[in-house]
């Protein structure tokens, strides 16, 4: 394949901290050229273009697509614009990588996947947590049968006060949701994959906005909010605009009787734990955060410390998962690999999103059939 001509729509934190560092590795290797970037804030696009040595910048993404005709587009906009610019980029003749969550409803996800098919292009959801070493290792443990028949999981991603303050994360009209869309989708996607492509059947959830909209003068850490490499051109933050949830919690039912407890927060009066995932089966249990395997040996209960060696190319680099993701994308486009994330898996995460927010709104459990009817995926 000739050198891939790449364009980026949205030049906020995730583009600068994750996508550009990954693409810059490939640029040095002569695999890709970043030919253009677009952002509705022209000054931000110009600053980003200068810092990353990109020849063209635009305030109108459509103009960029029309003029540059890129081979590949990374959609790094706020969530509410993922569908629009993914579809427009596909129709402009580009393969597309779309940041998570790719879609906010099953209908939108179906339209995006169908557009990719109709255009003969590939669509790559950026559910990048799967490329983290501990997720890969956990998948291997489960696949080896060490846990037996899996029937329960407890997942959480807790920030005591870690509200993203540099963009539109906190505004429903731009981002749709809060930590469930930001943090929860990572763990839900990884869990469903690790557990063997489980399907979501129902969600009972609650969404709270209790702390982040108070405007307390609390010292915050940008890194603890998710911007591990910092921010370059943040939008001024105003807590009065905060109108998404700052804490989401609930319960999921999966196919085969498996159940899942979850809680995800940007602001909660509990210690910051970042992510944790516990998976239980009839032969053993696994704590990803503690890197422990719980098994019985003969008549004795045991706890095994797992040595999960990370010999990866990008070990310890912030947002290293995006670098592995782009390696997988390039190899997929070259016909050497299959992309790690499949359409049916992406649809299951979207089911969870749609069911959760509908459940939080209605105050009751929502079955997937209420959303998709008897349609099969």
Protein backbone atom coordinates (compact mmCIF):
# COMPACT_ATOMS: atom_id res chain seq x y z
CA UNK A 1 0.00 0.00 0.00
CA UNK A 2 1.20 3.51 -0.80
CA UNK A 3 1.79 5.98 2.00
CA UNK A 4 -1.58 6.61 3.67
CA UNK A 5 -2.80 10.21 3.48
CA UNK A 6 -4.43 10.96 6.84
CA UNK A 7 -6.64 13.82 8.02
CA UNK A 8 -7.95 14.53 11.51
CA UNK A 9 -11.29 16.13 12.42
CA UNK A 10 -11.19 17.64 15.91
CA UNK A 11 -7.90 18.78 17.43
CA UNK A 12 -8.67 18.58 21.14
CA UNK A 13 -6.97 16.59 23.88
CA UNK A 14 -7.44 13.10 22.44
CA UNK A 15 -6.14 14.12 19.01
CA UNK A 16 -3.06 15.79 20.48
CA UNK A 17 -2.32 13.32 23.29
CA UNK A 18 -3.21 10.02 21.60
CA UNK A 19 -3.74 10.15 17.84
CA UNK A 20 -0.89 12.47 16.86
CA UNK A 21 1.75 10.63 18.93
CA UNK A 22 0.65 7.34 17.37
CA UNK A 23 0.56 8.77 13.86
CA UNK A 24 3.89 10.52 14.34
CA UNK A 25 5.53 7.13 14.90
CA UNK A 26 4.11 5.96 11.58
CA UNK A 27 5.13 9.22 9.91
CA UNK A 28 8.74 8.67 10.92
CA UNK A 29 8.54 5.17 9.49
CA UNK A 30 7.27 6.53 6.17
CA UNK A 31 3.92 4.74 6.48
CA UNK A 32 1.56 7.73 6.69
CA UNK A 33 1.40 11.44 5.90
CA UNK A 34 -0.87 13.69 7.97
CA UNK A 35 -2.05 16.00 5.21
CA UNK A 36 -4.63 18.09 7.05
CA UNK A 37 -6.55 18.81 10.22
CA UNK A 38 -9.83 20.56 10.92
CA UNK A 39 -11.34 22.15 14.01
CA UNK A 40 -14.22 24.60 14.41
CA UNK A 41 -11.76 26.85 16.30
CA UNK A 42 -9.45 27.97 13.50
CA UNK A 43 -6.79 29.31 15.87
CA UNK A 44 -6.60 25.92 17.59
CA UNK A 45 -6.32 24.13 14.25
CA UNK A 46 -3.54 26.50 13.20
CA UNK A 47 -1.63 26.00 16.46
CA UNK A 48 -1.93 22.23 16.26
CA UNK A 49 -0.86 22.22 12.61
CA UNK A 50 2.24 24.25 13.43
CA UNK A 51 3.21 22.07 16.39
CA UNK A 52 2.85 18.81 14.45
CA UNK A 53 4.11 20.10 11.12
CA UNK A 54 0.86 19.55 9.22
CA UNK A 55 0.68 21.47 5.94
CA UNK A 56 -3.06 22.26 5.88
CA UNK A 57 -5.58 23.31 8.50
CA UNK A 58 -9.27 24.16 8.22
CA UNK A 59 -12.18 25.41 10.31
CA UNK A 60 -14.58 23.57 7.99
CA UNK A 61 -14.07 19.77 7.98
CA UNK A 62 -16.15 19.33 4.82
CA UNK A 63 -13.92 21.73 2.92
CA UNK A 64 -10.91 19.72 4.06
CA UNK A 65 -12.49 16.48 2.85
CA UNK A 66 -13.41 18.02 -0.51
CA UNK A 67 -10.04 19.63 -1.16
CA UNK A 68 -7.59 17.10 0.25
CA UNK A 69 -9.50 13.87 -0.45
CA UNK A 70 -7.66 11.93 2.31
CA UNK A 71 -7.36 8.15 2.30
CA UNK A 72 -8.04 7.94 6.03
CA UNK A 73 -9.77 10.17 8.56
CA UNK A 74 -9.62 10.12 12.36
CA UNK A 75 -12.81 11.55 13.88
CA UNK A 76 -11.87 13.09 17.25
CA UNK A 77 -14.82 15.42 17.75
CA UNK A 78 -17.17 15.53 20.75
CA UNK A 79 -19.53 12.56 20.83
CA UNK A 80 -22.56 14.23 19.29
CA UNK A 81 -20.66 14.77 16.02
CA UNK A 82 -19.16 11.31 15.63
CA UNK A 83 -21.92 10.02 13.38
CA UNK A 84 -22.05 13.11 11.15
CA UNK A 85 -18.35 13.30 10.39
CA UNK A 86 -17.80 9.58 10.18
CA UNK A 87 -20.48 9.30 7.51
CA UNK A 88 -19.25 12.37 5.64
CA UNK A 89 -15.68 11.10 5.68
CA UNK A 90 -16.75 7.66 4.44
CA UNK A 91 -18.75 9.22 1.63
CA UNK A 92 -15.71 11.36 0.75
CA UNK A 93 -13.83 8.13 0.06
CA UNK A 94 -11.86 7.67 3.28
CA UNK A 95 -11.48 4.83 5.72
CA UNK A 96 -12.41 6.12 9.20
CA UNK A 97 -11.26 5.64 12.77
CA UNK A 98 -13.89 7.08 15.13
CA UNK A 99 -13.22 7.84 18.76
CA UNK A 100 -15.32 6.20 21.45
CA UNK A 101 -18.20 5.96 21.88
CA UNK A 102 -18.57 5.60 18.14
CA UNK A 103 -22.36 5.92 18.32
CA UNK A 104 -24.91 6.83 20.95
CA UNK A 105 -27.77 4.71 19.64
CA UNK A 106 -28.04 1.37 17.91
CA UNK A 107 -29.78 3.01 14.96
CA UNK A 108 -26.88 5.45 14.54
CA UNK A 109 -24.30 2.67 14.79
CA UNK A 110 -26.16 0.64 12.17
CA UNK A 111 -26.27 3.62 9.82
CA UNK A 112 -22.53 4.22 10.24
CA UNK A 113 -21.63 0.58 9.58
CA UNK A 114 -23.99 0.40 6.61
CA UNK A 115 -22.49 3.56 5.13
CA UNK A 116 -19.01 2.05 5.41
CA UNK A 117 -20.24 -1.06 3.61
CA UNK A 118 -21.99 0.93 0.90
CA UNK A 119 -18.88 3.03 0.34
CA UNK A 120 -16.55 0.04 0.31
CA UNK A 121 -14.52 1.52 3.17
CA UNK A 122 -13.41 0.27 6.58
CA UNK A 123 -14.67 1.64 9.88
CA UNK A 124 -12.48 1.38 12.97
CA UNK A 125 -14.10 2.08 16.38
CA UNK A 126 -11.44 3.38 18.79
CA UNK A 127 -12.31 1.20 21.81
CA UNK A 128 -8.61 1.29 22.54
CA UNK A 129 -8.61 -0.10 26.10
CA UNK A 130 -8.45 -3.63 24.65
CA UNK A 131 -4.84 -2.99 23.66
CA UNK A 132 -3.78 -2.36 27.27
CA UNK A 133 -1.51 -5.17 28.47
CA UNK A 134 -3.67 -6.08 31.47
CA UNK A 135 -6.74 -6.45 29.26
CA UNK A 136 -4.87 -8.67 26.82
CA UNK A 137 -3.55 -10.79 29.68
CA UNK A 138 -6.99 -11.05 31.28
CA UNK A 139 -8.43 -12.21 27.97
CA UNK A 140 -5.79 -14.94 27.84
CA UNK A 141 -6.59 -16.08 31.41
CA UNK A 142 -10.32 -16.33 30.67
CA UNK A 143 -9.79 -18.02 27.30
CA UNK A 144 -7.55 -20.61 28.96
CA UNK A 145 -10.48 -21.73 31.13
CA UNK A 146 -8.93 -20.78 34.48
CA UNK A 147 -12.18 -19.17 35.65
CA UNK A 148 -14.52 -21.81 34.28
CA UNK A 149 -18.08 -20.68 33.57
CA UNK A 150 -18.15 -16.89 34.05
CA UNK A 151 -21.31 -15.55 35.64
CA UNK A 152 -20.49 -12.29 37.48
CA UNK A 153 -18.37 -9.16 37.07
CA UNK A 154 -17.88 -5.93 38.99
CA UNK A 155 -16.41 -3.05 37.01
CA UNK A 156 -15.60 0.48 38.08
CA UNK A 157 -13.64 3.54 37.03
CA UNK A 158 -13.65 6.02 39.90
CA UNK A 159 -12.21 9.51 39.90
CA UNK A 160 -12.82 11.36 43.15
CA UNK A 161 -12.75 14.67 41.32
CA UNK A 162 -11.51 14.25 37.79
CA UNK A 163 -13.78 16.28 35.55
CA UNK A 164 -12.43 16.93 32.04
CA UNK A 165 -12.22 20.72 31.94
CA UNK A 166 -10.69 21.39 28.53
CA UNK A 167 -13.46 20.83 25.98
CA UNK A 168 -17.14 19.95 25.64
CA UNK A 169 -17.15 16.80 27.80
CA UNK A 170 -19.40 18.42 30.41
CA UNK A 171 -22.08 19.67 27.99
CA UNK A 172 -24.92 17.37 27.00
CA UNK A 173 -25.62 19.20 23.74
CA UNK A 174 -22.10 18.35 22.56
CA UNK A 175 -21.13 15.17 24.42
CA UNK A 176 -24.51 13.55 25.25
CA UNK A 177 -23.29 11.96 28.50
CA UNK A 178 -20.65 12.08 31.21
CA UNK A 179 -18.48 9.33 32.70
CA UNK A 180 -20.60 6.50 31.33
CA UNK A 181 -19.74 7.69 27.80
CA UNK A 182 -16.17 8.62 28.71
CA UNK A 183 -14.99 5.87 31.08
CA UNK A 184 -17.72 3.26 31.19
CA UNK A 185 -17.68 2.35 27.53
CA UNK A 186 -14.01 1.34 27.83
CA UNK A 187 -14.66 -1.19 30.59
CA UNK A 188 -17.92 -2.45 29.13
CA UNK A 189 -16.31 -3.08 25.76
CA UNK A 190 -13.28 -4.81 27.31
CA UNK A 191 -15.42 -6.94 29.61
CA UNK A 192 -17.77 -8.15 26.88
CA UNK A 193 -14.75 -9.06 24.75
CA UNK A 194 -12.86 -10.79 27.58
CA UNK A 195 -15.96 -12.72 28.62
CA UNK A 196 -16.34 -14.19 25.13
CA UNK A 197 -18.42 -11.72 23.13
CA UNK A 198 -21.31 -11.62 25.57
CA UNK A 199 -24.46 -9.86 24.43
CA UNK A 200 -26.25 -7.21 26.47
CA UNK A 201 -29.83 -8.11 27.38
CA UNK A 202 -30.89 -5.40 29.87
CA UNK A 203 -29.56 -2.47 31.88
CA UNK A 204 -30.81 -0.87 35.09
CA UNK A 205 -28.96 2.37 35.72
CA UNK A 206 -28.93 5.66 37.57
CA UNK A 207 -27.19 8.89 36.59
CA UNK A 208 -26.38 11.58 39.17
CA UNK A 209 -25.20 15.18 38.90
CA UNK A 210 -24.34 16.13 42.48
CA UNK A 211 -20.81 17.50 42.77
CA UNK A 212 -19.35 18.76 39.52
CA UNK A 213 -22.04 21.40 39.06
CA UNK A 214 -21.45 22.98 42.49
CA UNK A 215 -18.43 24.97 41.38
CA UNK A 216 -16.35 24.20 44.47
CA UNK A 217 -12.86 25.69 44.44
CA UNK A 218 -11.07 22.36 44.57
CA UNK A 219 -7.57 21.77 43.26
CA UNK A 220 -7.79 19.49 40.24
CA UNK A 221 -5.28 17.35 38.38
CA UNK A 222 -5.43 17.44 34.59
CA UNK A 223 -3.72 14.04 34.49
CA UNK A 224 -6.29 12.55 36.88
CA UNK A 225 -8.99 13.89 34.58
CA UNK A 226 -7.62 11.87 31.69
CA UNK A 227 -5.26 14.32 29.97
CA UNK A 228 -2.11 12.42 30.87
CA UNK A 229 0.01 14.46 28.47
CA UNK A 230 -1.62 17.77 29.40
CA UNK A 231 -3.59 20.09 27.15
CA UNK A 232 -2.36 22.69 24.70
CA UNK A 233 -5.33 24.84 23.73
CA UNK A 234 -8.10 24.13 26.26
CA UNK A 235 -11.48 25.76 25.95
CA UNK A 236 -12.32 27.91 29.01
CA UNK A 237 -14.26 25.79 31.52
CA UNK A 238 -17.41 27.05 33.24
CA UNK A 239 -19.09 24.77 35.77
CA UNK A 240 -22.41 26.49 35.08
CA UNK A 241 -22.41 24.64 31.74
CA UNK A 242 -22.16 21.24 33.42
CA UNK A 243 -25.33 19.33 32.51
CA UNK A 244 -24.28 15.67 32.12
CA UNK A 245 -23.97 13.08 34.87
CA UNK A 246 -20.89 13.13 37.11
CA UNK A 247 -21.61 9.62 38.45
CA UNK A 248 -23.25 6.63 36.79
CA UNK A 249 -24.03 3.31 38.39
CA UNK A 250 -26.14 0.28 37.77
CA UNK A 251 -26.54 -3.33 36.80
CA UNK A 252 -26.43 -5.21 33.49
CA UNK A 253 -27.83 -8.56 32.46
CA UNK A 254 -25.91 -10.40 29.77
CA UNK A 255 -26.76 -13.45 27.74
CA UNK A 256 -26.44 -16.78 29.50
CA UNK A 257 -27.37 -15.32 32.89
CA UNK A 258 -24.18 -13.35 33.52
CA UNK A 259 -24.64 -10.17 35.57
CA UNK A 260 -22.50 -7.05 35.96
CA UNK A 261 -22.36 -4.31 38.58
CA UNK A 262 -20.84 -1.03 37.42
CA UNK A 263 -19.97 2.44 38.66
CA UNK A 264 -18.15 5.22 36.83
CA UNK A 265 -17.44 8.69 38.12
CA UNK A 266 -15.84 12.03 37.38
CA UNK A 267 -16.80 13.24 40.84
CA UNK A 268 -17.68 11.07 43.84
CA UNK A 269 -16.74 11.25 47.49
CA UNK A 270 -14.73 8.04 47.40
CA UNK A 271 -11.03 7.44 46.78
CA UNK A 272 -9.78 7.52 43.22
CA UNK A 273 -9.26 3.94 42.09
CA UNK A 274 -9.16 4.48 38.34
CA UNK A 275 -10.23 1.25 36.71
CA UNK A 276 -10.95 -2.10 38.29
CA UNK A 277 -12.51 -5.22 36.89
CA UNK A 278 -13.37 -8.36 38.82
CA UNK A 279 -14.53 -11.43 36.89
CA UNK A 280 -15.90 -14.50 38.68
CA UNK A 281 -16.46 -18.02 37.39
CA UNK A 282 -17.24 -21.38 38.95
CA UNK A 283 -13.55 -22.37 38.94
CA UNK A 284 -11.85 -19.12 39.82
CA UNK A 285 -11.96 -15.34 40.05
CA UNK A 286 -9.75 -12.63 38.63
CA UNK A 287 -9.02 -9.10 39.87
CA UNK A 288 -7.40 -7.09 37.12
CA UNK A 289 -6.50 -4.15 39.38
CA UNK A 290 -4.81 -6.38 41.96
CA UNK A 291 -3.46 -8.78 39.31
CA UNK A 292 -4.68 -11.71 41.39
CA UNK A 293 -6.20 -15.05 40.48
CA UNK A 294 -8.41 -16.64 43.15
CA UNK A 295 -8.48 -20.46 42.95
CA UNK A 296 -8.88 -23.43 45.25
CA UNK A 297 -5.97 -25.87 45.38
CA UNK A 298 -7.16 -29.14 46.84
CA UNK A 299 -8.87 -28.26 50.14
CA UNK A 300 -7.12 -24.90 50.33
CA UNK A 301 -8.14 -21.44 49.22
CA UNK A 302 -5.37 -19.65 47.35
CA UNK A 303 -4.56 -16.27 45.88
CA UNK A 304 -2.09 -16.24 43.02
CA UNK A 305 -0.17 -13.09 42.11
CA UNK A 306 -0.10 -12.89 38.34
CA UNK A 307 3.09 -11.75 36.63
CA UNK A 308 1.78 -9.98 33.58
CA UNK A 309 4.94 -9.13 31.70
CA UNK A 310 4.63 -6.27 29.28
CA UNK A 311 7.16 -6.60 26.48
CA UNK A 312 5.25 -4.36 24.13
CA UNK A 313 6.86 -1.85 21.80
CA UNK A 314 5.25 1.12 23.56
CA UNK A 315 5.32 -0.03 27.19
CA UNK A 316 4.81 2.82 29.64
CA UNK A 317 4.07 5.48 27.02
CA UNK A 318 0.97 7.64 27.72
CA UNK A 319 -1.92 6.48 25.55
CA UNK A 320 0.19 3.59 24.32
CA UNK A 321 -3.01 1.76 23.39
CA UNK A 322 -3.60 4.14 20.46
CA UNK A 323 -0.18 3.27 19.07
CA UNK A 324 -1.02 -0.43 19.09
CA UNK A 325 -4.42 0.40 17.63
CA UNK A 326 -2.89 2.23 14.68
CA UNK A 327 -0.47 -0.64 14.08
CA UNK A 328 -3.51 -2.92 13.88
CA UNK A 329 -5.31 -0.48 11.56
CA UNK A 330 -2.38 -0.26 9.16
CA UNK A 331 -1.93 -4.04 9.12
CA UNK A 332 -5.66 -4.49 8.56
CA UNK A 333 -5.65 -2.08 5.61
CA UNK A 334 -2.67 -4.00 4.22
CA UNK A 335 -4.51 -7.32 4.58
CA UNK A 336 -2.05 -8.69 7.16
CA UNK A 337 -4.38 -8.77 10.20
CA UNK A 338 -8.00 -8.44 11.24
CA UNK A 339 -9.03 -5.41 13.26
CA UNK A 340 -9.48 -6.30 16.91
CA UNK A 341 -12.93 -4.71 17.21
CA UNK A 342 -15.76 -6.15 15.14
CA UNK A 343 -19.10 -4.64 14.14
CA UNK A 344 -21.18 -6.94 16.35
CA UNK A 345 -19.01 -6.09 19.37
CA UNK A 346 -19.39 -2.36 18.75
CA UNK A 347 -23.16 -2.79 18.51
CA UNK A 348 -23.25 -4.42 21.97
CA UNK A 349 -21.50 -1.44 23.57
CA UNK A 350 -23.97 0.86 21.84
CA UNK A 351 -26.85 -1.21 23.23
CA UNK A 352 -25.45 -0.68 26.73
CA UNK A 353 -25.21 3.09 26.19
CA UNK A 354 -28.73 3.44 24.87
CA UNK A 355 -30.26 1.19 27.51
CA UNK A 356 -28.38 2.90 30.35
CA UNK A 357 -29.51 6.44 29.57
CA UNK A 358 -33.07 5.34 28.88
CA UNK A 359 -33.08 3.42 32.17
CA UNK A 360 -31.72 6.43 34.07
CA UNK A 361 -34.43 8.60 32.53
CA UNK A 362 -37.29 6.19 33.21
CA UNK A 363 -36.09 4.92 36.60
CA UNK A 364 -36.43 1.24 35.71
CA UNK A 365 -34.64 -1.59 33.95
CA UNK A 366 -34.64 -1.34 30.16
CA UNK A 367 -34.49 -4.47 28.04
CA UNK A 368 -32.62 -4.33 24.75
CA UNK A 369 -35.77 -5.49 22.94
CA UNK A 370 -37.37 -2.15 23.84
CA UNK A 371 -34.73 -0.52 21.65
CA UNK A 372 -34.18 -2.96 18.80
CA UNK A 373 -37.36 -5.04 18.87
CA UNK A 374 -36.77 -8.55 17.57
CA UNK A 375 -33.94 -7.50 15.28
CA UNK A 376 -30.93 -9.78 15.51
CA UNK A 377 -27.32 -8.60 15.60
